Amino acid sequence: MTRTEFRLIVAGIMLIGTTYGLARFAYGLFLPSMREEVGLSATLAGVIGSGAYVGYCLAIVLIAVITALIG
């Protein structure tokens, strides 16, 4: 791995971490008002939040597989 590739990987990881963190933070801020207006239970709100995280993890695995196949 060259130095340029390493720097690109680090920048990508930082970008993903930043945007994912902001999205999780925003969801948490709006959750109380969303629960009141839509009538979500605490369990369902947790499932929605967890579903986003699971989707994120599945996307990472899928991209790793596609990258290994395509190159």
C-alpha atoms as a PDB file:
ATOM      1  CA  MET A   1       0.000   0.000   0.000  1.00  0.00           C
ATOM      2  CA  THR A   2       1.386   3.333  -1.014  1.00  0.00           C
ATOM      3  CA  ARG A   3       1.311   6.443   1.106  1.00  0.00           C
ATOM      4  CA  THR A   4      -1.283   8.020  -1.205  1.00  0.00           C
ATOM      5  CA  GLU A   5      -3.593   5.014  -0.895  1.00  0.00           C
ATOM      6  CA  PHE A   6      -3.243   5.041   2.883  1.00  0.00           C
ATOM      7  CA  ARG A   7      -4.103   8.742   3.044  1.00  0.00           C
ATOM      8  CA  LEU A   8      -7.170   8.168   0.861  1.00  0.00           C
ATOM      9  CA  ILE A   9      -8.348   5.319   3.098  1.00  0.00           C
ATOM     10  CA  VAL A  10      -7.914   7.410   6.238  1.00  0.00           C
ATOM     11  CA  ALA A  11      -9.787  10.330   4.661  1.00  0.00           C
ATOM     12  CA  GLY A  12     -12.640   8.018   3.610  1.00  0.00           C
ATOM     13  CA  ILE A  13     -12.932   6.497   7.070  1.00  0.00           C
ATOM     14  CA  MET A  14     -12.999   9.934   8.655  1.00  0.00           C
ATOM     15  CA  LEU A  15     -15.689  11.117   6.220  1.00  0.00           C
ATOM     16  CA  ILE A  16     -17.862   8.078   6.903  1.00  0.00           C
ATOM     17  CA  GLY A  17     -17.422   8.417  10.650  1.00  0.00           C
ATOM     18  CA  THR A  18     -18.304  12.091  10.590  1.00  0.00           C
ATOM     19  CA  THR A  19     -21.428  11.765   8.461  1.00  0.00           C
ATOM     20  CA  TYR A  20     -22.628   8.668  10.274  1.00  0.00           C
ATOM     21  CA  GLY A  21     -22.078  10.326  13.636  1.00  0.00           C
ATOM     22  CA  LEU A  22     -24.013  13.416  12.576  1.00  0.00           C
ATOM     23  CA  ALA A  23     -26.920  11.312  11.326  1.00  0.00           C
ATOM     24  CA  ARG A  24     -27.083   9.354  14.604  1.00  0.00           C
ATOM     25  CA  PHE A  25     -26.898  12.595  16.573  1.00  0.00           C
ATOM     26  CA  ALA A  26     -29.707  14.199  14.553  1.00  0.00           C
ATOM     27  CA  TYR A  27     -31.938  11.135  14.937  1.00  0.00           C
ATOM     28  CA  GLY A  28     -31.504  11.251  18.698  1.00  0.00           C
ATOM     29  CA  LEU A  29     -32.390  14.941  18.863  1.00  0.00           C
ATOM     30  CA  PHE A  30     -35.620  14.535  16.909  1.00  0.00           C
ATOM     31  CA  LEU A  31     -36.689  11.211  18.435  1.00  0.00           C
ATOM     32  CA  PRO A  32     -38.784  12.570  21.332  1.00  0.00           C
ATOM     33  CA  SER A  33     -40.898  14.795  19.074  1.00  0.00           C
ATOM     34  CA  MET A  34     -41.193  12.061  16.418  1.00  0.00           C
ATOM     35  CA  ARG A  35     -42.371   9.573  19.039  1.00  0.00           C
ATOM     36  CA  GLU A  36     -45.080  11.966  20.236  1.00  0.00           C
ATOM     37  CA  GLU A  37     -46.366  12.935  16.797  1.00  0.00           C
ATOM     38  CA  VAL A  38     -46.276   9.503  15.183  1.00  0.00           C
ATOM     39  CA  GLY A  39     -47.051   7.467  18.280  1.00  0.00           C
ATOM     40  CA  LEU A  40     -43.941   5.288  18.234  1.00  0.00           C
ATOM     41  CA  SER A  41     -43.167   3.080  21.186  1.00  0.00           C
ATOM     42  CA  ALA A  42     -39.674   3.099  22.645  1.00  0.00           C
ATOM     43  CA  THR A  43     -39.141  -0.395  21.225  1.00  0.00           C
ATOM     44  CA  LEU A  44     -40.129   0.591  17.699  1.00  0.00           C
ATOM     45  CA  ALA A  45     -37.952   3.713  17.854  1.00  0.00           C
ATOM     46  CA  GLY A  46     -35.042   1.496  18.919  1.00  0.00           C
ATOM     47  CA  VAL A  47     -35.716  -0.924  16.066  1.00  0.00           C
ATOM     48  CA  ILE A  48     -35.661   1.954  13.574  1.00  0.00           C
ATOM     49  CA  GLY A  49     -32.370   3.264  14.953  1.00  0.00           C
ATOM     50  CA  SER A  50     -30.862  -0.219  15.022  1.00  0.00           C
ATOM     51  CA  GLY A  51     -32.097  -0.917  11.501  1.00  0.00           C
ATOM     52  CA  ALA A  52     -30.143   2.049  10.196  1.00  0.00           C
ATOM     53  CA  TYR A  53     -27.002   0.745  11.889  1.00  0.00           C
ATOM     54  CA  VAL A  54     -27.525  -2.805  10.578  1.00  0.00           C
ATOM     55  CA  GLY A  55     -28.043  -1.432   7.067  1.00  0.00           C
ATOM     56  CA  TYR A  56     -24.826   0.537   7.381  1.00  0.00           C
ATOM     57  CA  CYS A  57     -22.921  -2.590   8.467  1.00  0.00           C
ATOM     58  CA  LEU A  58     -24.421  -4.693   5.667  1.00  0.00           C
ATOM     59  CA  ALA A  59     -23.438  -2.046   3.134  1.00  0.00           C
ATOM     60  CA  ILE A  60     -19.838  -2.203   4.366  1.00  0.00           C
ATOM     61  CA  VAL A  61     -19.758  -5.988   3.950  1.00  0.00           C
ATOM     62  CA  LEU A  62     -21.394  -5.784   0.516  1.00  0.00           C
ATOM     63  CA  ILE A  63     -18.908  -3.177  -0.695  1.00  0.00           C
ATOM     64  CA  ALA A  64     -16.005  -5.301   0.573  1.00  0.00           C
ATOM     65  CA  VAL A  65     -17.317  -8.320  -1.370  1.00  0.00           C
ATOM     66  CA  ILE A  66     -17.924  -6.288  -4.534  1.00  0.00           C
ATOM     67  CA  THR A  67     -14.467  -4.755  -4.287  1.00  0.00           C
ATOM     68  CA  ALA A  68     -12.895  -8.197  -3.923  1.00  0.00           C
ATOM     69  CA  LEU A  69     -14.792  -9.463  -6.984  1.00  0.00           C
ATOM     70  CA  ILE A  70     -14.309  -6.460  -9.250  1.00  0.00           C
ATOM     71  CA  GLY A  71     -10.978  -5.218  -8.001  1.00  0.00           C
END
